[in-house]
Amino acid sequence: MLEFGKREQSFRHQKETRESIKLLSQAKLGQHYALTICLTALVCTVILGVTGHEASAAIIGGLDLVALALVFIIGRSNTTKITEPTDEEQ
């Protein structure tokens, strides 16, 4: 019986480790996509501004800045919430 408990605990640790690695890789991938999108919007804003389309550059740059700020605010508020354990986790 004791051996069964040790194997179950070992399996649980391995499962939690795999889940943690998966979450971290998803977060890293999301950050790379966000960086790519922001840099693309910045380049578009600069090109439009230099070519004389200041209004379009201001709109794209402003929307990009507001969207980026919202993502960070929403992301930070979601990570600070404390969740109650479900029945399965207890």
PDB file of N, CA and C in Angstrom:
ATOM      1  N   MET A   1       0.818  -1.190   0.000  1.00  0.00           N
ATOM      2  CA  MET A   1       0.000   0.000   0.000  1.00  0.00           C
ATOM      3  C   MET A   1       0.864   1.256   0.000  1.00  0.00           C
ATOM      4  N   LEU A   2       1.959   1.219   0.747  1.00  0.00           N
ATOM      5  CA  LEU A   2       2.857   2.357   0.807  1.00  0.00           C
ATOM      6  C   LEU A   2       3.517   2.601  -0.550  1.00  0.00           C
ATOM      7  N   GLU A   3       3.864   1.527  -1.233  1.00  0.00           N
ATOM      8  CA  GLU A   3       4.471   1.639  -2.564  1.00  0.00           C
ATOM      9  C   GLU A   3       3.497   2.288  -3.546  1.00  0.00           C
ATOM     10  N   PHE A   4       2.230   1.935  -3.452  1.00  0.00           N
ATOM     11  CA  PHE A   4       1.212   2.520  -4.321  1.00  0.00           C
ATOM     12  C   PHE A   4       1.131   4.031  -4.100  1.00  0.00           C
ATOM     13  N   GLY A   5       1.174   4.467  -2.857  1.00  0.00           N
ATOM     14  CA  GLY A   5       1.136   5.896  -2.545  1.00  0.00           C
ATOM     15  C   GLY A   5       2.338   6.635  -3.101  1.00  0.00           C
ATOM     16  N   LYS A   6       3.505   6.018  -3.031  1.00  0.00           N
ATOM     17  CA  LYS A   6       4.721   6.637  -3.575  1.00  0.00           C
ATOM     18  C   LYS A   6       4.635   6.782  -5.081  1.00  0.00           C
ATOM     19  N   ARG A   7       4.127   5.745  -5.758  1.00  0.00           N
ATOM     20  CA  ARG A   7       3.989   5.820  -7.218  1.00  0.00           C
ATOM     21  C   ARG A   7       2.974   6.876  -7.617  1.00  0.00           C
ATOM     22  N   GLU A   8       1.891   6.965  -6.872  1.00  0.00           N
ATOM     23  CA  GLU A   8       0.866   7.964  -7.174  1.00  0.00           C
ATOM     24  C   GLU A   8       1.414   9.375  -6.989  1.00  0.00           C
ATOM     25  N   GLN A   9       2.169   9.583  -5.929  1.00  0.00           N
ATOM     26  CA  GLN A   9       2.767  10.885  -5.684  1.00  0.00           C
ATOM     27  C   GLN A   9       3.777  11.226  -6.771  1.00  0.00           C
ATOM     28  N   SER A  10       4.580  10.263  -7.177  1.00  0.00           N
ATOM     29  CA  SER A  10       5.553  10.484  -8.236  1.00  0.00           C
ATOM     30  C   SER A  10       4.852  10.863  -9.545  1.00  0.00           C
ATOM     31  N   PHE A  11       3.773  10.147  -9.864  1.00  0.00           N
ATOM     32  CA  PHE A  11       3.016  10.451 -11.066  1.00  0.00           C
ATOM     33  C   PHE A  11       2.447  11.865 -11.006  1.00  0.00           C
ATOM     34  N   ARG A  12       1.926  12.245  -9.854  1.00  0.00           N
ATOM     35  CA  ARG A  12       1.343  13.588  -9.677  1.00  0.00           C
ATOM     36  C   ARG A  12       2.402  14.662  -9.883  1.00  0.00           C
ATOM     37  N   HIS A  13       3.596  14.462  -9.336  1.00  0.00           N
ATOM     38  CA  HIS A  13       4.681  15.427  -9.505  1.00  0.00           C
ATOM     39  C   HIS A  13       5.076  15.548 -10.977  1.00  0.00           C
ATOM     40  N   GLN A  14       5.168  14.433 -11.660  1.00  0.00           N
ATOM     41  CA  GLN A  14       5.519  14.461 -13.082  1.00  0.00           C
ATOM     42  C   GLN A  14       4.452  15.190 -13.886  1.00  0.00           C
ATOM     43  N   LYS A  15       3.198  14.946 -13.562  1.00  0.00           N
ATOM     44  CA  LYS A  15       2.088  15.595 -14.264  1.00  0.00           C
ATOM     45  C   LYS A  15       2.123  17.105 -14.034  1.00  0.00           C
ATOM     46  N   GLU A  16       2.327  17.535 -12.805  1.00  0.00           N
ATOM     47  CA  GLU A  16       2.387  18.960 -12.494  1.00  0.00           C
ATOM     48  C   GLU A  16       3.584  19.622 -13.168  1.00  0.00           C
ATOM     49  N   THR A  17       4.696  18.925 -13.250  1.00  0.00           N
ATOM     50  CA  THR A  17       5.877  19.467 -13.924  1.00  0.00           C
ATOM     51  C   THR A  17       5.603  19.666 -15.410  1.00  0.00           C
ATOM     52  N   ARG A  18       4.975  18.669 -16.044  1.00  0.00           N
ATOM     53  CA  ARG A  18       4.642  18.801 -17.467  1.00  0.00           C
ATOM     54  C   ARG A  18       3.675  19.955 -17.707  1.00  0.00           C
ATOM     55  N   GLU A  19       2.682  20.114 -16.832  1.00  0.00           N
ATOM     56  CA  GLU A  19       1.721  21.194 -16.975  1.00  0.00           C
ATOM     57  C   GLU A  19       2.395  22.552 -16.809  1.00  0.00           C
ATOM     58  N   SER A  20       3.317  22.653 -15.858  1.00  0.00           N
ATOM     59  CA  SER A  20       4.032  23.918 -15.641  1.00  0.00           C
ATOM     60  C   SER A  20       4.882  24.281 -16.848  1.00  0.00           C
ATOM     61  N   ILE A  21       5.566  23.307 -17.400  1.00  0.00           N
ATOM     62  CA  ILE A  21       6.396  23.554 -18.578  1.00  0.00           C
ATOM     63  C   ILE A  21       5.530  23.990 -19.754  1.00  0.00           C
ATOM     64  N   LYS A  22       4.384  23.365 -19.914  1.00  0.00           N
ATOM     65  CA  LYS A  22       3.475  23.718 -21.012  1.00  0.00           C
ATOM     66  C   LYS A  22       2.971  25.148 -20.854  1.00  0.00           C
ATOM     67  N   LEU A  23       2.583  25.531 -19.641  1.00  0.00           N
ATOM     68  CA  LEU A  23       2.094  26.887 -19.403  1.00  0.00           C
ATOM     69  C   LEU A  23       3.186  27.925 -19.662  1.00  0.00           C
ATOM     70  N   LEU A  24       4.404  27.627 -19.242  1.00  0.00           N
ATOM     71  CA  LEU A  24       5.496  28.563 -19.470  1.00  0.00           C
ATOM     72  C   LEU A  24       5.813  28.725 -20.953  1.00  0.00           C
ATOM     73  N   SER A  25       5.775  27.628 -21.695  1.00  0.00           N
ATOM     74  CA  SER A  25       6.059  27.724 -23.125  1.00  0.00           C
ATOM     75  C   SER A  25       4.950  28.481 -23.850  1.00  0.00           C
ATOM     76  N   GLN A  26       3.698  28.319 -23.414  1.00  0.00           N
ATOM     77  CA  GLN A  26       2.605  29.074 -24.019  1.00  0.00           C
ATOM     78  C   GLN A  26       2.745  30.561 -23.719  1.00  0.00           C
ATOM     79  N   ALA A  27       3.135  30.896 -22.508  1.00  0.00           N
ATOM     80  CA  ALA A  27       3.323  32.297 -22.143  1.00  0.00           C
ATOM     81  C   ALA A  27       4.453  32.914 -22.951  1.00  0.00           C
ATOM     82  N   LYS A  28       5.536  32.170 -23.126  1.00  0.00           N
ATOM     83  CA  LYS A  28       6.666  32.673 -23.896  1.00  0.00           C
ATOM     84  C   LYS A  28       6.280  32.879 -25.359  1.00  0.00           C
ATOM     85  N   LEU A  29       5.533  31.945 -25.921  1.00  0.00           N
ATOM     86  CA  LEU A  29       5.080  32.065 -27.297  1.00  0.00           C
ATOM     87  C   LEU A  29       4.163  33.282 -27.460  1.00  0.00           C
ATOM     88  N   GLY A  30       3.269  33.498 -26.500  1.00  0.00           N
ATOM     89  CA  GLY A  30       2.385  34.657 -26.537  1.00  0.00           C
ATOM     90  C   GLY A  30       3.156  35.959 -26.476  1.00  0.00           C
ATOM     91  N   GLN A  31       4.219  36.000 -25.687  1.00  0.00           N
ATOM     92  CA  GLN A  31       5.041  37.207 -25.608  1.00  0.00           C
ATOM     93  C   GLN A  31       5.756  37.466 -26.928  1.00  0.00           C
ATOM     94  N   HIS A  32       6.202  36.411 -27.589  1.00  0.00           N
ATOM     95  CA  HIS A  32       6.869  36.590 -28.881  1.00  0.00           C
ATOM     96  C   HIS A  32       5.894  37.124 -29.924  1.00  0.00           C
ATOM     97  N   TYR A  33       4.674  36.589 -29.928  1.00  0.00           N
ATOM     98  CA  TYR A  33       3.658  37.089 -30.859  1.00  0.00           C
ATOM     99  C   TYR A  33       3.318  38.548 -30.563  1.00  0.00           C
ATOM    100  N   ALA A  34       3.174  38.893 -29.300  1.00  0.00           N
ATOM    101  CA  ALA A  34       2.865  40.270 -28.920  1.00  0.00           C
ATOM    102  C   ALA A  34       3.976  41.219 -29.353  1.00  0.00           C
ATOM    103  N   LEU A  35       5.215  40.807 -29.176  1.00  0.00           N
ATOM    104  CA  LEU A  35       6.332  41.636 -29.603  1.00  0.00           C
ATOM    105  C   LEU A  35       6.311  41.848 -31.114  1.00  0.00           C
ATOM    106  N   THR A  36       6.038  40.788 -31.861  1.00  0.00           N
ATOM    107  CA  THR A  36       5.980  40.885 -33.316  1.00  0.00           C
ATOM    108  C   THR A  36       4.868  41.833 -33.758  1.00  0.00           C
ATOM    109  N   ILE A  37       3.708  41.716 -33.151  1.00  0.00           N
ATOM    110  CA  ILE A  37       2.586  42.581 -33.510  1.00  0.00           C
ATOM    111  C   ILE A  37       2.895  44.034 -33.171  1.00  0.00           C
ATOM    112  N   CYS A  38       3.459  44.283 -32.002  1.00  0.00           N
ATOM    113  CA  CYS A  38       3.774  45.654 -31.598  1.00  0.00           C
ATOM    114  C   CYS A  38       4.833  46.279 -32.492  1.00  0.00           C
ATOM    115  N   LEU A  39       5.858  45.518 -32.826  1.00  0.00           N
ATOM    116  CA  LEU A  39       6.892  46.059 -33.701  1.00  0.00           C
ATOM    117  C   LEU A  39       6.353  46.337 -35.102  1.00  0.00           C
ATOM    118  N   THR A  40       5.476  45.475 -35.589  1.00  0.00           N
ATOM    119  CA  THR A  40       4.867  45.702 -36.896  1.00  0.00           C
ATOM    120  C   THR A  40       4.025  46.979 -36.887  1.00  0.00           C
ATOM    121  N   ALA A  41       3.236  47.169 -35.834  1.00  0.00           N
ATOM    122  CA  ALA A  41       2.429  48.386 -35.728  1.00  0.00           C
ATOM    123  C   ALA A  41       3.321  49.624 -35.612  1.00  0.00           C
ATOM    124  N   LEU A  42       4.419  49.520 -34.898  1.00  0.00           N
ATOM    125  CA  LEU A  42       5.341  50.642 -34.770  1.00  0.00           C
ATOM    126  C   LEU A  42       5.969  50.996 -36.109  1.00  0.00           C
ATOM    127  N   VAL A  43       6.381  49.992 -36.859  1.00  0.00           N
ATOM    128  CA  VAL A  43       6.969  50.235 -38.179  1.00  0.00           C
ATOM    129  C   VAL A  43       5.941  50.882 -39.108  1.00  0.00           C
ATOM    130  N   CYS A  44       4.704  50.372 -39.074  1.00  0.00           N
ATOM    131  CA  CYS A  44       3.649  50.959 -39.900  1.00  0.00           C
ATOM    132  C   CYS A  44       3.385  52.411 -39.510  1.00  0.00           C
ATOM    133  N   THR A  45       3.389  52.688 -38.219  1.00  0.00           N
ATOM    134  CA  THR A  45       3.174  54.049 -37.734  1.00  0.00           C
ATOM    135  C   THR A  45       4.272  54.984 -38.219  1.00  0.00           C
ATOM    136  N   VAL A  46       5.509  54.541 -38.131  1.00  0.00           N
ATOM    137  CA  VAL A  46       6.639  55.372 -38.575  1.00  0.00           C
ATOM    138  C   VAL A  46       6.573  55.601 -40.078  1.00  0.00           C
ATOM    139  N   ILE A  47       6.300  54.560 -40.837  1.00  0.00           N
ATOM    140  CA  ILE A  47       6.230  54.701 -42.297  1.00  0.00           C
ATOM    141  C   ILE A  47       5.111  55.661 -42.682  1.00  0.00           C
ATOM    142  N   LEU A  48       3.947  55.505 -42.063  1.00  0.00           N
ATOM    143  CA  LEU A  48       2.843  56.416 -42.372  1.00  0.00           C
ATOM    144  C   LEU A  48       3.177  57.847 -41.966  1.00  0.00           C
ATOM    145  N   GLY A  49       3.813  58.026 -40.831  1.00  0.00           N
ATOM    146  CA  GLY A  49       4.180  59.371 -40.383  1.00  0.00           C
ATOM    147  C   GLY A  49       5.185  60.030 -41.298  1.00  0.00           C
ATOM    148  N   VAL A  50       6.159  59.273 -41.765  1.00  0.00           N
ATOM    149  CA  VAL A  50       7.201  59.822 -42.636  1.00  0.00           C
ATOM    150  C   VAL A  50       6.648  60.151 -44.023  1.00  0.00           C
ATOM    151  N   THR A  51       5.695  59.364 -44.496  1.00  0.00           N
ATOM    152  CA  THR A  51       5.159  59.586 -45.843  1.00  0.00           C
ATOM    153  C   THR A  51       4.042  60.622 -45.878  1.00  0.00           C
ATOM    154  N   GLY A  52       3.763  61.272 -44.747  1.00  0.00           N
ATOM    155  CA  GLY A  52       2.798  62.364 -44.751  1.00  0.00           C
ATOM    156  C   GLY A  52       1.396  61.995 -44.323  1.00  0.00           C
ATOM    157  N   HIS A  53       1.189  60.817 -43.834  1.00  0.00           N
ATOM    158  CA  HIS A  53      -0.138  60.389 -43.365  1.00  0.00           C
ATOM    159  C   HIS A  53      -0.156  60.420 -41.838  1.00  0.00           C
ATOM    160  N   GLU A  54      -0.034  61.640 -41.309  1.00  0.00           N
ATOM    161  CA  GLU A  54       0.091  61.782 -39.858  1.00  0.00           C
ATOM    162  C   GLU A  54      -1.154  61.307 -39.109  1.00  0.00           C
ATOM    163  N   ALA A  55      -2.335  61.584 -39.649  1.00  0.00           N
ATOM    164  CA  ALA A  55      -3.568  61.182 -38.965  1.00  0.00           C
ATOM    165  C   ALA A  55      -3.658  59.660 -38.871  1.00  0.00           C
ATOM    166  N   SER A  56      -3.359  58.979 -39.972  1.00  0.00           N
ATOM    167  CA  SER A  56      -3.394  57.513 -39.959  1.00  0.00           C
ATOM    168  C   SER A  56      -2.341  56.954 -39.005  1.00  0.00           C
ATOM    169  N   ALA A  57      -1.170  57.571 -38.991  1.00  0.00           N
ATOM    170  CA  ALA A  57      -0.101  57.125 -38.094  1.00  0.00           C
ATOM    171  C   ALA A  57      -0.517  57.311 -36.639  1.00  0.00           C
ATOM    172  N   ALA A  58      -1.164  58.431 -36.336  1.00  0.00           N
ATOM    173  CA  ALA A  58      -1.604  58.686 -34.962  1.00  0.00           C
ATOM    174  C   ALA A  58      -2.676  57.687 -34.542  1.00  0.00           C
ATOM    175  N   ILE A  59      -3.593  57.355 -35.439  1.00  0.00           N
ATOM    176  CA  ILE A  59      -4.653  56.403 -35.105  1.00  0.00           C
ATOM    177  C   ILE A  59      -4.067  55.015 -34.855  1.00  0.00           C
ATOM    178  N   ILE A  60      -3.226  54.548 -35.766  1.00  0.00           N
ATOM    179  CA  ILE A  60      -2.640  53.215 -35.607  1.00  0.00           C
ATOM    180  C   ILE A  60      -1.744  53.158 -34.377  1.00  0.00           C
ATOM    181  N   GLY A  61      -0.912  54.173 -34.200  1.00  0.00           N
ATOM    182  CA  GLY A  61      -0.026  54.203 -33.036  1.00  0.00           C
ATOM    183  C   GLY A  61      -0.793  54.298 -31.733  1.00  0.00           C
ATOM    184  N   GLY A  62      -1.838  55.119 -31.707  1.00  0.00           N
ATOM    185  CA  GLY A  62      -2.649  55.268 -30.498  1.00  0.00           C
ATOM    186  C   GLY A  62      -3.396  53.996 -30.150  1.00  0.00           C
ATOM    187  N   LEU A  63      -4.013  53.379 -31.147  1.00  0.00           N
ATOM    188  CA  LEU A  63      -4.741  52.135 -30.897  1.00  0.00           C
ATOM    189  C   LEU A  63      -3.802  51.026 -30.432  1.00  0.00           C
ATOM    190  N   ASP A  64      -2.632  50.971 -31.030  1.00  0.00           N
ATOM    191  CA  ASP A  64      -1.658  49.957 -30.621  1.00  0.00           C
ATOM    192  C   ASP A  64      -1.225  50.174 -29.174  1.00  0.00           C
ATOM    193  N   LEU A  65      -0.979  51.411 -28.805  1.00  0.00           N
ATOM    194  CA  LEU A  65      -0.561  51.715 -27.437  1.00  0.00           C
ATOM    195  C   LEU A  65      -1.666  51.396 -26.431  1.00  0.00           C
ATOM    196  N   VAL A  66      -2.903  51.755 -26.753  1.00  0.00           N
ATOM    197  CA  VAL A  66      -4.022  51.482 -25.850  1.00  0.00           C
ATOM    198  C   VAL A  66      -4.240  49.973 -25.718  1.00  0.00           C
ATOM    199  N   ALA A  67      -4.188  49.248 -26.831  1.00  0.00           N
ATOM    200  CA  ALA A  67      -4.381  47.802 -26.791  1.00  0.00           C
ATOM    201  C   ALA A  67      -3.287  47.133 -25.968  1.00  0.00           C
ATOM    202  N   LEU A  68      -2.060  47.578 -26.126  1.00  0.00           N
ATOM    203  CA  LEU A  68      -0.960  47.001 -25.365  1.00  0.00           C
ATOM    204  C   LEU A  68      -1.125  47.265 -23.872  1.00  0.00           C
ATOM    205  N   ALA A  69      -1.521  48.473 -23.523  1.00  0.00           N
ATOM    206  CA  ALA A  69      -1.740  48.798 -22.109  1.00  0.00           C
ATOM    207  C   ALA A  69      -2.874  47.954 -21.525  1.00  0.00           C
ATOM    208  N   LEU A  70      -3.952  47.773 -22.282  1.00  0.00           N
ATOM    209  CA  LEU A  70      -5.068  46.960 -21.798  1.00  0.00           C
ATOM    210  C   LEU A  70      -4.658  45.506 -21.573  1.00  0.00           C
ATOM    211  N   VAL A  71      -3.862  44.981 -22.474  1.00  0.00           N
ATOM    212  CA  VAL A  71      -3.418  43.595 -22.327  1.00  0.00           C
ATOM    213  C   VAL A  71      -2.609  43.425 -21.051  1.00  0.00           C
ATOM    214  N   PHE A  72      -1.721  44.365 -20.772  1.00  0.00           N
ATOM    215  CA  PHE A  72      -0.921  44.257 -19.559  1.00  0.00           C
ATOM    216  C   PHE A  72      -1.774  44.435 -18.307  1.00  0.00           C
ATOM    217  N   ILE A  73      -2.739  45.349 -18.344  1.00  0.00           N
ATOM    218  CA  ILE A  73      -3.596  45.561 -17.179  1.00  0.00           C
ATOM    219  C   ILE A  73      -4.470  44.340 -16.931  1.00  0.00           C
ATOM    220  N   ILE A  74      -5.099  43.820 -17.978  1.00  0.00           N
ATOM    221  CA  ILE A  74      -5.968  42.651 -17.834  1.00  0.00           C
ATOM    222  C   ILE A  74      -5.152  41.428 -17.425  1.00  0.00           C
ATOM    223  N   GLY A  75      -3.988  41.248 -18.038  1.00  0.00           N
ATOM    224  CA  GLY A  75      -3.133  40.116 -17.690  1.00  0.00           C
ATOM    225  C   GLY A  75      -2.678  40.165 -16.250  1.00  0.00           C
ATOM    226  N   ARG A  76      -2.332  41.334 -15.768  1.00  0.00           N
ATOM    227  CA  ARG A  76      -1.875  41.468 -14.388  1.00  0.00           C
ATOM    228  C   ARG A  76      -3.021  41.230 -13.411  1.00  0.00           C
ATOM    229  N   SER A  77      -4.216  41.714 -13.734  1.00  0.00           N
ATOM    230  CA  SER A  77      -5.344  41.510 -12.816  1.00  0.00           C
ATOM    231  C   SER A  77      -5.768  40.047 -12.779  1.00  0.00           C
ATOM    232  N   ASN A  78      -5.622  39.330 -13.888  1.00  0.00           N
ATOM    233  CA  ASN A  78      -5.969  37.909 -13.898  1.00  0.00           C
ATOM    234  C   ASN A  78      -4.982  37.074 -13.100  1.00  0.00           C
ATOM    235  N   THR A  79      -3.727  37.469 -13.069  1.00  0.00           N
ATOM    236  CA  THR A  79      -2.737  36.685 -12.337  1.00  0.00           C
ATOM    237  C   THR A  79      -2.790  36.938 -10.841  1.00  0.00           C
ATOM    238  N   THR A  80      -3.392  38.050 -10.412  1.00  0.00           N
ATOM    239  CA  THR A  80      -3.449  38.347  -8.987  1.00  0.00           C
ATOM    240  C   THR A  80      -4.690  37.798  -8.315  1.00  0.00           C
ATOM    241  N   LYS A  81      -5.636  37.265  -9.076  1.00  0.00           N
ATOM    242  CA  LYS A  81      -6.843  36.701  -8.489  1.00  0.00           C
ATOM    243  C   LYS A  81      -6.505  35.393  -7.786  1.00  0.00           C
ATOM    244  N   ILE A  82      -7.115  35.199  -6.643  1.00  0.00           N
ATOM    245  CA  ILE A  82      -6.934  33.957  -5.899  1.00  0.00           C
ATOM    246  C   ILE A  82      -8.138  33.077  -6.201  1.00  0.00           C
ATOM    247  N   THR A  83      -7.864  31.877  -6.670  1.00  0.00           N
ATOM    248  CA  THR A  83      -8.951  30.973  -7.012  1.00  0.00           C
ATOM    249  C   THR A  83      -9.119  29.937  -5.919  1.00  0.00           C
ATOM    250  N   GLU A  84     -10.337  29.546  -5.717  1.00  0.00           N
ATOM    251  CA  GLU A  84     -10.642  28.501  -4.745  1.00  0.00           C
ATOM    252  C   GLU A  84     -10.358  27.145  -5.377  1.00  0.00           C
ATOM    253  N   PRO A  85      -9.795  26.197  -4.641  1.00  0.00           N
ATOM    254  CA  PRO A  85      -9.538  24.872  -5.210  1.00  0.00           C
ATOM    255  C   PRO A  85     -10.852  24.170  -5.530  1.00  0.00           C
ATOM    256  N   THR A  86     -10.843  23.446  -6.628  1.00  0.00           N
ATOM    257  CA  THR A  86     -12.021  22.682  -7.010  1.00  0.00           C
ATOM    258  C   THR A  86     -12.073  21.382  -6.225  1.00  0.00           C
ATOM    259  N   ASP A  87     -13.152  20.638  -6.385  1.00  0.00           N
ATOM    260  CA  ASP A  87     -13.284  19.361  -5.681  1.00  0.00           C
ATOM    261  C   ASP A  87     -12.205  18.372  -6.088  1.00  0.00           C
ATOM    262  N   GLU A  88     -11.791  18.427  -7.356  1.00  0.00           N
ATOM    263  CA  GLU A  88     -10.764  17.508  -7.846  1.00  0.00           C
ATOM    264  C   GLU A  88      -9.405  17.792  -7.238  1.00  0.00           C
ATOM    265  N   GLU A  89      -9.114  19.068  -6.927  1.00  0.00           N
ATOM    266  CA  GLU A  89      -7.821  19.438  -6.400  1.00  0.00           C
ATOM    267  C   GLU A  89      -7.706  19.186  -4.897  1.00  0.00           C
ATOM    268  N   GLN A  90      -8.807  18.994  -4.210  1.00  0.00           N
ATOM    269  CA  GLN A  90      -8.764  18.815  -2.756  1.00  0.00           C
ATOM    270  C   GLN A  90      -8.470  17.410  -2.374  1.00  0.00           C
TER     271      GLN A  90
END
